[in-house]
Amino acid sequence: MNKELFEKIINYSGEKLVLAAVIKTKDSSPRNAGAKMIIYPDGSTYGTIGGGPVEAEIIEESKKLIKTGGSKKLNYNLTNKDIAEHGGICGGNVDIFVEVIDLID
């Protein structure tokens, strides 16, 4: 998957996209550290960092970040009531790093 993901980045014809990566997990999480996903400016994606409400929030955060630039680390507690109400079945914590990749020199 990593080879294909990086080929998608290299071959992307747009100006900016976001690379999101799971950098740390504790207890039960949808994906392990190292899982990656590309988020394009229109909100479409390639890959997954676990799906569900966390991934949806990462997509929205990434669309904002494309406009402002930079990077950030986001932490999600997958044990709270909100996650359960949205069908989440995990019970841990996950840290996700999102970074804008500017492809224009």
PDB file of N, CA and C in Angstrom:
ATOM      1  N   MET A   1       0.823  -1.202   0.000  1.00  0.00           N
ATOM      2  CA  MET A   1       0.000   0.000   0.000  1.00  0.00           C
ATOM      3  C   MET A   1       0.860   1.255   0.000  1.00  0.00           C
ATOM      4  N   ASN A   2       1.973   1.273   0.761  1.00  0.00           N
ATOM      5  CA  ASN A   2       2.788   2.486   0.832  1.00  0.00           C
ATOM      6  C   ASN A   2       3.332   2.894  -0.529  1.00  0.00           C
ATOM      7  N   LYS A   3       3.773   1.919  -1.333  1.00  0.00           N
ATOM      8  CA  LYS A   3       4.303   2.241  -2.655  1.00  0.00           C
ATOM      9  C   LYS A   3       3.227   2.914  -3.502  1.00  0.00           C
ATOM     10  N   GLU A   4       2.035   2.339  -3.509  1.00  0.00           N
ATOM     11  CA  GLU A   4       0.942   2.909  -4.297  1.00  0.00           C
ATOM     12  C   GLU A   4       0.549   4.292  -3.775  1.00  0.00           C
ATOM     13  N   LEU A   5       0.544   4.446  -2.458  1.00  0.00           N
ATOM     14  CA  LEU A   5       0.188   5.734  -1.858  1.00  0.00           C
ATOM     15  C   LEU A   5       1.179   6.811  -2.280  1.00  0.00           C
ATOM     16  N   PHE A   6       2.465   6.517  -2.207  1.00  0.00           N
ATOM     17  CA  PHE A   6       3.455   7.515  -2.592  1.00  0.00           C
ATOM     18  C   PHE A   6       3.441   7.769  -4.093  1.00  0.00           C
ATOM     19  N   GLU A   7       3.115   6.768  -4.897  1.00  0.00           N
ATOM     20  CA  GLU A   7       2.956   6.991  -6.333  1.00  0.00           C
ATOM     21  C   GLU A   7       1.783   7.934  -6.605  1.00  0.00           C
ATOM     22  N   LYS A   8       0.703   7.796  -5.831  1.00  0.00           N
ATOM     23  CA  LYS A   8      -0.441   8.716  -5.969  1.00  0.00           C
ATOM     24  C   LYS A   8      -0.009  10.152  -5.680  1.00  0.00           C
ATOM     25  N   ILE A   9       0.811  10.338  -4.646  1.00  0.00           N
ATOM     26  CA  ILE A   9       1.292  11.683  -4.305  1.00  0.00           C
ATOM     27  C   ILE A   9       2.164  12.228  -5.442  1.00  0.00           C
ATOM     28  N   ILE A  10       3.112  11.439  -5.892  1.00  0.00           N
ATOM     29  CA  ILE A  10       4.039  11.875  -6.940  1.00  0.00           C
ATOM     30  C   ILE A  10       3.301  12.214  -8.225  1.00  0.00           C
ATOM     31  N   ASN A  11       2.288  11.440  -8.562  1.00  0.00           N
ATOM     32  CA  ASN A  11       1.579  11.622  -9.835  1.00  0.00           C
ATOM     33  C   ASN A  11       0.389  12.571  -9.762  1.00  0.00           C
ATOM     34  N   TYR A  12       0.121  13.117  -8.589  1.00  0.00           N
ATOM     35  CA  TYR A  12      -1.011  14.036  -8.430  1.00  0.00           C
ATOM     36  C   TYR A  12      -0.746  15.318  -9.213  1.00  0.00           C
ATOM     37  N   SER A  13      -1.726  15.765  -9.975  1.00  0.00           N
ATOM     38  CA  SER A  13      -1.534  16.942 -10.826  1.00  0.00           C
ATOM     39  C   SER A  13      -1.977  18.241 -10.164  1.00  0.00           C
ATOM     40  N   GLY A  14      -2.517  18.167  -8.971  1.00  0.00           N
ATOM     41  CA  GLY A  14      -2.948  19.369  -8.265  1.00  0.00           C
ATOM     42  C   GLY A  14      -1.799  20.027  -7.526  1.00  0.00           C
ATOM     43  N   GLU A  15      -2.120  21.075  -6.780  1.00  0.00           N
ATOM     44  CA  GLU A  15      -1.102  21.840  -6.065  1.00  0.00           C
ATOM     45  C   GLU A  15      -0.820  21.315  -4.668  1.00  0.00           C
ATOM     46  N   LYS A  16      -1.884  20.937  -3.939  1.00  0.00           N
ATOM     47  CA  LYS A  16      -1.720  20.526  -2.546  1.00  0.00           C
ATOM     48  C   LYS A  16      -2.611  19.343  -2.223  1.00  0.00           C
ATOM     49  N   LEU A  17      -2.164  18.562  -1.270  1.00  0.00           N
ATOM     50  CA  LEU A  17      -2.968  17.496  -0.692  1.00  0.00           C
ATOM     51  C   LEU A  17      -2.475  17.295   0.731  1.00  0.00           C
ATOM     52  N   VAL A  18      -3.144  16.447   1.472  1.00  0.00           N
ATOM     53  CA  VAL A  18      -2.748  16.170   2.854  1.00  0.00           C
ATOM     54  C   VAL A  18      -2.425  14.688   2.987  1.00  0.00           C
ATOM     55  N   LEU A  19      -1.353  14.416   3.728  1.00  0.00           N
ATOM     56  CA  LEU A  19      -1.034  13.054   4.103  1.00  0.00           C
ATOM     57  C   LEU A  19      -1.354  12.916   5.587  1.00  0.00           C
ATOM     58  N   ALA A  20      -2.220  11.969   5.908  1.00  0.00           N
ATOM     59  CA  ALA A  20      -2.579  11.688   7.298  1.00  0.00           C
ATOM     60  C   ALA A  20      -1.984  10.330   7.659  1.00  0.00           C
ATOM     61  N   ALA A  21      -1.409  10.253   8.847  1.00  0.00           N
ATOM     62  CA  ALA A  21      -0.799   8.995   9.285  1.00  0.00           C
ATOM     63  C   ALA A  21      -1.111   8.742  10.753  1.00  0.00           C
ATOM     64  N   VAL A  22      -1.471   7.507  11.054  1.00  0.00           N
ATOM     65  CA  VAL A  22      -1.631   7.095  12.450  1.00  0.00           C
ATOM     66  C   VAL A  22      -0.218   6.983  13.027  1.00  0.00           C
ATOM     67  N   ILE A  23       0.058   7.773  14.072  1.00  0.00           N
ATOM     68  CA  ILE A  23       1.411   7.750  14.634  1.00  0.00           C
ATOM     69  C   ILE A  23       1.494   7.047  15.983  1.00  0.00           C
ATOM     70  N   LYS A  24       0.350   6.877  16.653  1.00  0.00           N
ATOM     71  CA  LYS A  24       0.370   6.206  17.950  1.00  0.00           C
ATOM     72  C   LYS A  24      -1.026   5.693  18.271  1.00  0.00           C
ATOM     73  N   THR A  25      -1.078   4.507  18.823  1.00  0.00           N
ATOM     74  CA  THR A  25      -2.358   3.961  19.284  1.00  0.00           C
ATOM     75  C   THR A  25      -2.184   3.408  20.687  1.00  0.00           C
ATOM     76  N   LYS A  26      -3.293   3.385  21.413  1.00  0.00           N
ATOM     77  CA  LYS A  26      -3.308   2.766  22.737  1.00  0.00           C
ATOM     78  C   LYS A  26      -4.601   1.970  22.840  1.00  0.00           C
ATOM     79  N   ASP A  27      -4.482   0.734  23.242  1.00  0.00           N
ATOM     80  CA  ASP A  27      -5.619  -0.173  23.355  1.00  0.00           C
ATOM     81  C   ASP A  27      -6.225  -0.409  21.970  1.00  0.00           C
ATOM     82  N   SER A  28      -7.521  -0.538  21.864  1.00  0.00           N
ATOM     83  CA  SER A  28      -8.169  -0.909  20.612  1.00  0.00           C
ATOM     84  C   SER A  28      -8.377   0.314  19.717  1.00  0.00           C
ATOM     85  N   SER A  29      -7.868   0.225  18.477  1.00  0.00           N
ATOM     86  CA  SER A  29      -8.073   1.296  17.503  1.00  0.00           C
ATOM     87  C   SER A  29      -8.315   0.659  16.136  1.00  0.00           C
ATOM     88  N   PRO A  30      -8.946   1.403  15.226  1.00  0.00           N
ATOM     89  CA  PRO A  30      -9.297   0.816  13.933  1.00  0.00           C
ATOM     90  C   PRO A  30      -8.090   0.401  13.091  1.00  0.00           C
ATOM     91  N   ARG A  31      -7.000   1.147  13.169  1.00  0.00           N
ATOM     92  CA  ARG A  31      -5.792   0.837  12.402  1.00  0.00           C
ATOM     93  C   ARG A  31      -4.575   1.006  13.300  1.00  0.00           C
ATOM     94  N   ASN A  32      -3.508   0.348  12.961  1.00  0.00           N
ATOM     95  CA  ASN A  32      -2.270   0.431  13.721  1.00  0.00           C
ATOM     96  C   ASN A  32      -1.436   1.631  13.297  1.00  0.00           C
ATOM     97  N   ALA A  33      -0.452   1.968  14.114  1.00  0.00           N
ATOM     98  CA  ALA A  33       0.490   3.025  13.759  1.00  0.00           C
ATOM     99  C   ALA A  33       1.115   2.687  12.406  1.00  0.00           C
ATOM    100  N   GLY A  34       1.244   3.704  11.579  1.00  0.00           N
ATOM    101  CA  GLY A  34       1.790   3.521  10.238  1.00  0.00           C
ATOM    102  C   GLY A  34       0.739   3.554   9.146  1.00  0.00           C
ATOM    103  N   ALA A  35      -0.538   3.384   9.507  1.00  0.00           N
ATOM    104  CA  ALA A  35      -1.597   3.475   8.499  1.00  0.00           C
ATOM    105  C   ALA A  35      -1.623   4.897   7.934  1.00  0.00           C
ATOM    106  N   LYS A  36      -1.787   5.012   6.610  1.00  0.00           N
ATOM    107  CA  LYS A  36      -1.742   6.317   5.961  1.00  0.00           C
ATOM    108  C   LYS A  36      -2.923   6.516   5.028  1.00  0.00           C
ATOM    109  N   MET A  37      -3.235   7.783   4.796  1.00  0.00           N
ATOM    110  CA  MET A  37      -4.320   8.147   3.902  1.00  0.00           C
ATOM    111  C   MET A  37      -3.993   9.490   3.261  1.00  0.00           C
ATOM    112  N   ILE A  38      -4.322   9.629   1.991  1.00  0.00           N
ATOM    113  CA  ILE A  38      -4.222  10.911   1.288  1.00  0.00           C
ATOM    114  C   ILE A  38      -5.598  11.548   1.295  1.00  0.00           C
ATOM    115  N   ILE A  39      -5.639  12.847   1.556  1.00  0.00           N
ATOM    116  CA  ILE A  39      -6.879  13.610   1.458  1.00  0.00           C
ATOM    117  C   ILE A  39      -6.663  14.700   0.421  1.00  0.00           C
ATOM    118  N   TYR A  40      -7.516  14.706  -0.593  1.00  0.00           N
ATOM    119  CA  TYR A  40      -7.441  15.700  -1.660  1.00  0.00           C
ATOM    120  C   TYR A  40      -8.282  16.921  -1.287  1.00  0.00           C
ATOM    121  N   PRO A  41      -8.055  18.068  -1.942  1.00  0.00           N
ATOM    122  CA  PRO A  41      -8.791  19.295  -1.588  1.00  0.00           C
ATOM    123  C   PRO A  41     -10.316  19.158  -1.633  1.00  0.00           C
ATOM    124  N   ASP A  42     -10.835  18.295  -2.500  1.00  0.00           N
ATOM    125  CA  ASP A  42     -12.291  18.123  -2.595  1.00  0.00           C
ATOM    126  C   ASP A  42     -12.848  17.164  -1.549  1.00  0.00           C
ATOM    127  N   GLY A  43     -11.973  16.609  -0.699  1.00  0.00           N
ATOM    128  CA  GLY A  43     -12.412  15.690   0.347  1.00  0.00           C
ATOM    129  C   GLY A  43     -12.346  14.227  -0.050  1.00  0.00           C
ATOM    130  N   SER A  44     -12.028  13.940  -1.310  1.00  0.00           N
ATOM    131  CA  SER A  44     -11.862  12.538  -1.697  1.00  0.00           C
ATOM    132  C   SER A  44     -10.563  12.014  -1.075  1.00  0.00           C
ATOM    133  N   THR A  45     -10.448  10.701  -0.991  1.00  0.00           N
ATOM    134  CA  THR A  45      -9.316  10.106  -0.289  1.00  0.00           C
ATOM    135  C   THR A  45      -8.737   8.924  -1.050  1.00  0.00           C
ATOM    136  N   TYR A  46      -7.555   8.559  -0.624  1.00  0.00           N
ATOM    137  CA  TYR A  46      -6.941   7.297  -1.043  1.00  0.00           C
ATOM    138  C   TYR A  46      -6.358   6.670   0.214  1.00  0.00           C
ATOM    139  N   GLY A  47      -6.675   5.423   0.465  1.00  0.00           N
ATOM    140  CA  GLY A  47      -6.231   4.753   1.673  1.00  0.00           C
ATOM    141  C   GLY A  47      -7.212   4.987   2.804  1.00  0.00           C
ATOM    142  N   THR A  48      -6.850   4.525   3.987  1.00  0.00           N
ATOM    143  CA  THR A  48      -7.719   4.700   5.149  1.00  0.00           C
ATOM    144  C   THR A  48      -6.890   4.722   6.430  1.00  0.00           C
ATOM    145  N   ILE A  49      -7.388   5.469   7.387  1.00  0.00           N
ATOM    146  CA  ILE A  49      -6.789   5.442   8.718  1.00  0.00           C
ATOM    147  C   ILE A  49      -7.752   4.816   9.717  1.00  0.00           C
ATOM    148  N   GLY A  50      -8.809   4.196   9.203  1.00  0.00           N
ATOM    149  CA  GLY A  50      -9.699   3.456  10.078  1.00  0.00           C
ATOM    150  C   GLY A  50     -11.176   3.636   9.826  1.00  0.00           C
ATOM    151  N   GLY A  51     -11.557   4.634   9.066  1.00  0.00           N
ATOM    152  CA  GLY A  51     -12.974   4.840   8.771  1.00  0.00           C
ATOM    153  C   GLY A  51     -13.726   5.484   9.919  1.00  0.00           C
ATOM    154  N   GLY A  52     -15.027   5.505   9.815  1.00  0.00           N
ATOM    155  CA  GLY A  52     -15.899   6.019  10.859  1.00  0.00           C
ATOM    156  C   GLY A  52     -15.790   7.513  11.093  1.00  0.00           C
ATOM    157  N   PRO A  53     -16.308   7.952  12.244  1.00  0.00           N
ATOM    158  CA  PRO A  53     -16.357   9.384  12.539  1.00  0.00           C
ATOM    159  C   PRO A  53     -14.979  10.032  12.675  1.00  0.00           C
ATOM    160  N   VAL A  54     -13.979   9.290  13.116  1.00  0.00           N
ATOM    161  CA  VAL A  54     -12.637   9.866  13.227  1.00  0.00           C
ATOM    162  C   VAL A  54     -12.100  10.191  11.838  1.00  0.00           C
ATOM    163  N   GLU A  55     -12.240   9.261  10.912  1.00  0.00           N
ATOM    164  CA  GLU A  55     -11.762   9.513   9.555  1.00  0.00           C
ATOM    165  C   GLU A  55     -12.528  10.671   8.924  1.00  0.00           C
ATOM    166  N   ALA A  56     -13.822  10.750   9.146  1.00  0.00           N
ATOM    167  CA  ALA A  56     -14.618  11.860   8.619  1.00  0.00           C
ATOM    168  C   ALA A  56     -14.119  13.193   9.170  1.00  0.00           C
ATOM    169  N   GLU A  57     -13.782  13.224  10.450  1.00  0.00           N
ATOM    170  CA  GLU A  57     -13.270  14.457  11.050  1.00  0.00           C
ATOM    171  C   GLU A  57     -11.890  14.805  10.500  1.00  0.00           C
ATOM    172  N   ILE A  58     -11.054  13.799  10.283  1.00  0.00           N
ATOM    173  CA  ILE A  58      -9.729  14.028   9.704  1.00  0.00           C
ATOM    174  C   ILE A  58      -9.874  14.622   8.299  1.00  0.00           C
ATOM    175  N   ILE A  59     -10.816  14.153   7.534  1.00  0.00           N
ATOM    176  CA  ILE A  59     -11.042  14.694   6.188  1.00  0.00           C
ATOM    177  C   ILE A  59     -11.418  16.165   6.280  1.00  0.00           C
ATOM    178  N   GLU A  60     -12.329  16.513   7.178  1.00  0.00           N
ATOM    179  CA  GLU A  60     -12.734  17.918   7.328  1.00  0.00           C
ATOM    180  C   GLU A  60     -11.573  18.791   7.809  1.00  0.00           C
ATOM    181  N   GLU A  61     -10.814  18.320   8.774  1.00  0.00           N
ATOM    182  CA  GLU A  61      -9.646  19.058   9.263  1.00  0.00           C
ATOM    183  C   GLU A  61      -8.626  19.247   8.137  1.00  0.00           C
ATOM    184  N   SER A  62      -8.455  18.225   7.316  1.00  0.00           N
ATOM    185  CA  SER A  62      -7.489  18.287   6.219  1.00  0.00           C
ATOM    186  C   SER A  62      -7.897  19.300   5.160  1.00  0.00           C
ATOM    187  N   LYS A  63      -9.177  19.369   4.852  1.00  0.00           N
ATOM    188  CA  LYS A  63      -9.652  20.354   3.883  1.00  0.00           C
ATOM    189  C   LYS A  63      -9.366  21.771   4.370  1.00  0.00           C
ATOM    190  N   LYS A  64      -9.521  22.005   5.666  1.00  0.00           N
ATOM    191  CA  LYS A  64      -9.187  23.316   6.236  1.00  0.00           C
ATOM    192  C   LYS A  64      -7.682  23.560   6.177  1.00  0.00           C
ATOM    193  N   LEU A  65      -6.914  22.543   6.504  1.00  0.00           N
ATOM    194  CA  LEU A  65      -5.460  22.668   6.551  1.00  0.00           C
ATOM    195  C   LEU A  65      -4.876  22.950   5.166  1.00  0.00           C
ATOM    196  N   ILE A  66      -5.493  22.421   4.125  1.00  0.00           N
ATOM    197  CA  ILE A  66      -5.028  22.695   2.765  1.00  0.00           C
ATOM    198  C   ILE A  66      -5.070  24.194   2.490  1.00  0.00           C
ATOM    199  N   LYS A  67      -6.053  24.875   3.042  1.00  0.00           N
ATOM    200  CA  LYS A  67      -6.188  26.325   2.833  1.00  0.00           C
ATOM    201  C   LYS A  67      -5.172  27.127   3.638  1.00  0.00           C
ATOM    202  N   THR A  68      -4.806  26.640   4.818  1.00  0.00           N
ATOM    203  CA  THR A  68      -3.921  27.411   5.694  1.00  0.00           C
ATOM    204  C   THR A  68      -2.474  26.928   5.657  1.00  0.00           C
ATOM    205  N   GLY A  69      -2.264  25.685   5.249  1.00  0.00           N
ATOM    206  CA  GLY A  69      -0.929  25.107   5.237  1.00  0.00           C
ATOM    207  C   GLY A  69      -0.544  24.549   6.596  1.00  0.00           C
ATOM    208  N   GLY A  70       0.598  23.908   6.638  1.00  0.00           N
ATOM    209  CA  GLY A  70       1.121  23.420   7.898  1.00  0.00           C
ATOM    210  C   GLY A  70       0.788  21.975   8.199  1.00  0.00           C
ATOM    211  N   SER A  71       0.870  21.668   9.474  1.00  0.00           N
ATOM    212  CA  SER A  71       0.625  20.313   9.947  1.00  0.00           C
ATOM    213  C   SER A  71       0.103  20.383  11.376  1.00  0.00           C
ATOM    214  N   LYS A  72      -0.450  19.277  11.837  1.00  0.00           N
ATOM    215  CA  LYS A  72      -0.901  19.198  13.234  1.00  0.00           C
ATOM    216  C   LYS A  72      -1.060  17.758  13.651  1.00  0.00           C
ATOM    217  N   LYS A  73      -0.980  17.562  14.950  1.00  0.00           N
ATOM    218  CA  LYS A  73      -1.227  16.245  15.546  1.00  0.00           C
ATOM    219  C   LYS A  73      -2.590  16.308  16.215  1.00  0.00           C
ATOM    220  N   LEU A  74      -3.410  15.318  15.921  1.00  0.00           N
ATOM    221  CA  LEU A  74      -4.755  15.250  16.492  1.00  0.00           C
ATOM    222  C   LEU A  74      -4.878  13.971  17.306  1.00  0.00           C
ATOM    223  N   ASN A  75      -5.561  14.061  18.435  1.00  0.00           N
ATOM    224  CA  ASN A  75      -5.761  12.915  19.308  1.00  0.00           C
ATOM    225  C   ASN A  75      -7.244  12.623  19.413  1.00  0.00           C
ATOM    226  N   TYR A  76      -7.590  11.363  19.318  1.00  0.00           N
ATOM    227  CA  TYR A  76      -8.986  10.945  19.436  1.00  0.00           C
ATOM    228  C   TYR A  76      -9.119   9.872  20.505  1.00  0.00           C
ATOM    229  N   ASN A  77     -10.067  10.099  21.405  1.00  0.00           N
ATOM    230  CA  ASN A  77     -10.416   9.143  22.439  1.00  0.00           C
ATOM    231  C   ASN A  77     -11.579   8.326  21.899  1.00  0.00           C
ATOM    232  N   LEU A  78     -11.335   7.065  21.644  1.00  0.00           N
ATOM    233  CA  LEU A  78     -12.359   6.206  21.041  1.00  0.00           C
ATOM    234  C   LEU A  78     -13.208   5.490  22.076  1.00  0.00           C
ATOM    235  N   THR A  79     -13.145   5.964  23.306  1.00  0.00           N
ATOM    236  CA  THR A  79     -13.911   5.315  24.370  1.00  0.00           C
ATOM    237  C   THR A  79     -15.133   6.127  24.776  1.00  0.00           C
ATOM    238  N   ASN A  80     -15.275   7.331  24.226  1.00  0.00           N
ATOM    239  CA  ASN A  80     -16.354   8.180  24.723  1.00  0.00           C
ATOM    240  C   ASN A  80     -17.710   7.850  24.098  1.00  0.00           C
ATOM    241  N   LYS A  81     -18.745   8.417  24.653  1.00  0.00           N
ATOM    242  CA  LYS A  81     -20.124   8.156  24.249  1.00  0.00           C
ATOM    243  C   LYS A  81     -20.385   8.556  22.802  1.00  0.00           C
ATOM    244  N   ASP A  82     -19.780   9.669  22.341  1.00  0.00           N
ATOM    245  CA  ASP A  82     -19.994  10.139  20.965  1.00  0.00           C
ATOM    246  C   ASP A  82     -19.560   9.096  19.940  1.00  0.00           C
ATOM    247  N   ILE A  83     -18.424   8.470  20.174  1.00  0.00           N
ATOM    248  CA  ILE A  83     -17.941   7.439  19.248  1.00  0.00           C
ATOM    249  C   ILE A  83     -18.915   6.264  19.227  1.00  0.00           C
ATOM    250  N   ALA A  84     -19.365   5.841  20.394  1.00  0.00           N
ATOM    251  CA  ALA A  84     -20.304   4.713  20.481  1.00  0.00           C
ATOM    252  C   ALA A  84     -21.622   5.025  19.770  1.00  0.00           C
ATOM    253  N   GLU A  85     -22.101   6.253  19.906  1.00  0.00           N
ATOM    254  CA  GLU A  85     -23.358   6.637  19.261  1.00  0.00           C
ATOM    255  C   GLU A  85     -23.263   6.616  17.740  1.00  0.00           C
ATOM    256  N   HIS A  86     -22.053   6.785  17.209  1.00  0.00           N
ATOM    257  CA  HIS A  86     -21.847   6.764  15.763  1.00  0.00           C
ATOM    258  C   HIS A  86     -21.418   5.390  15.256  1.00  0.00           C
ATOM    259  N   GLY A  87     -21.557   4.394  16.088  1.00  0.00           N
ATOM    260  CA  GLY A  87     -21.266   3.030  15.661  1.00  0.00           C
ATOM    261  C   GLY A  87     -19.830   2.599  15.853  1.00  0.00           C
ATOM    262  N   GLY A  88     -19.032   3.393  16.540  1.00  0.00           N
ATOM    263  CA  GLY A  88     -17.645   3.013  16.792  1.00  0.00           C
ATOM    264  C   GLY A  88     -17.578   1.814  17.719  1.00  0.00           C
ATOM    265  N   ILE A  89     -16.659   0.912  17.436  1.00  0.00           N
ATOM    266  CA  ILE A  89     -16.564  -0.297  18.257  1.00  0.00           C
ATOM    267  C   ILE A  89     -15.221  -0.405  18.971  1.00  0.00           C
ATOM    268  N   CYS A  90     -14.348   0.579  18.758  1.00  0.00           N
ATOM    269  CA  CYS A  90     -13.019   0.524  19.379  1.00  0.00           C
ATOM    270  C   CYS A  90     -13.077   1.148  20.761  1.00  0.00           C
ATOM    271  N   GLY A  91     -12.040   0.918  21.530  1.00  0.00           N
ATOM    272  CA  GLY A  91     -12.045   1.442  22.882  1.00  0.00           C
ATOM    273  C   GLY A  91     -10.712   1.988  23.328  1.00  0.00           C
ATOM    274  N   GLY A  92      -9.963   2.593  22.432  1.00  0.00           N
ATOM    275  CA  GLY A  92      -8.646   3.099  22.793  1.00  0.00           C
ATOM    276  C   GLY A  92      -8.470   4.551  22.422  1.00  0.00           C
ATOM    277  N   ASN A  93      -7.224   4.914  22.201  1.00  0.00           N
ATOM    278  CA  ASN A  93      -6.862   6.267  21.779  1.00  0.00           C
ATOM    279  C   ASN A  93      -5.997   6.161  20.537  1.00  0.00           C
ATOM    280  N   VAL A  94      -6.083   7.179  19.702  1.00  0.00           N
ATOM    281  CA  VAL A  94      -5.274   7.206  18.493  1.00  0.00           C
ATOM    282  C   VAL A  94      -4.780   8.626  18.249  1.00  0.00           C
ATOM    283  N   ASP A  95      -3.493   8.756  17.902  1.00  0.00           N
ATOM    284  CA  ASP A  95      -2.911  10.030  17.499  1.00  0.00           C
ATOM    285  C   ASP A  95      -2.689   9.977  15.997  1.00  0.00           C
ATOM    286  N   ILE A  96      -3.132  11.028  15.325  1.00  0.00           N
ATOM    287  CA  ILE A  96      -3.002  11.102  13.876  1.00  0.00           C
ATOM    288  C   ILE A  96      -2.290  12.406  13.521  1.00  0.00           C
ATOM    289  N   PHE A  97      -1.264  12.295  12.684  1.00  0.00           N
ATOM    290  CA  PHE A  97      -0.517  13.455  12.220  1.00  0.00           C
ATOM    291  C   PHE A  97      -0.983  13.763  10.811  1.00  0.00           C
ATOM    292  N   VAL A  98      -1.376  15.005  10.573  1.00  0.00           N
ATOM    293  CA  VAL A  98      -1.797  15.438   9.246  1.00  0.00           C
ATOM    294  C   VAL A  98      -0.856  16.539   8.780  1.00  0.00           C
ATOM    295  N   GLU A  99      -0.448  16.440   7.518  1.00  0.00           N
ATOM    296  CA  GLU A  99       0.512  17.399   6.978  1.00  0.00           C
ATOM    297  C   GLU A  99       0.167  17.732   5.539  1.00  0.00           C
ATOM    298  N   VAL A 100       0.154  19.027   5.239  1.00  0.00           N
ATOM    299  CA  VAL A 100      -0.064  19.478   3.871  1.00  0.00           C
ATOM    300  C   VAL A 100       1.204  19.217   3.070  1.00  0.00           C
ATOM    301  N   ILE A 101       1.024  18.647   1.905  1.00  0.00           N
ATOM    302  CA  ILE A 101       2.129  18.471   0.962  1.00  0.00           C
ATOM    303  C   ILE A 101       1.870  19.421  -0.190  1.00  0.00           C
ATOM    304  N   ASP A 102       2.763  20.384  -0.357  1.00  0.00           N
ATOM    305  CA  ASP A 102       2.670  21.385  -1.422  1.00  0.00           C
ATOM    306  C   ASP A 102       3.512  20.892  -2.584  1.00  0.00           C
ATOM    307  N   LEU A 103       2.876  20.586  -3.697  1.00  0.00           N
ATOM    308  CA  LEU A 103       3.568  19.978  -4.831  1.00  0.00           C
ATOM    309  C   LEU A 103       4.042  21.015  -5.855  1.00  0.00           C
ATOM    310  N   ILE A 104       3.855  22.288  -5.576  1.00  0.00           N
ATOM    311  CA  ILE A 104       4.328  23.333  -6.473  1.00  0.00           C
ATOM    312  C   ILE A 104       5.679  23.829  -5.960  1.00  0.00           C
ATOM    313  N   ASP A 105       6.670  23.805  -6.820  1.00  0.00           N
ATOM    314  CA  ASP A 105       8.012  24.275  -6.436  1.00  0.00           C
ATOM    315  C   ASP A 105       8.080  25.776  -6.371  1.00  0.00           C
TER     316      ASP A 105
END
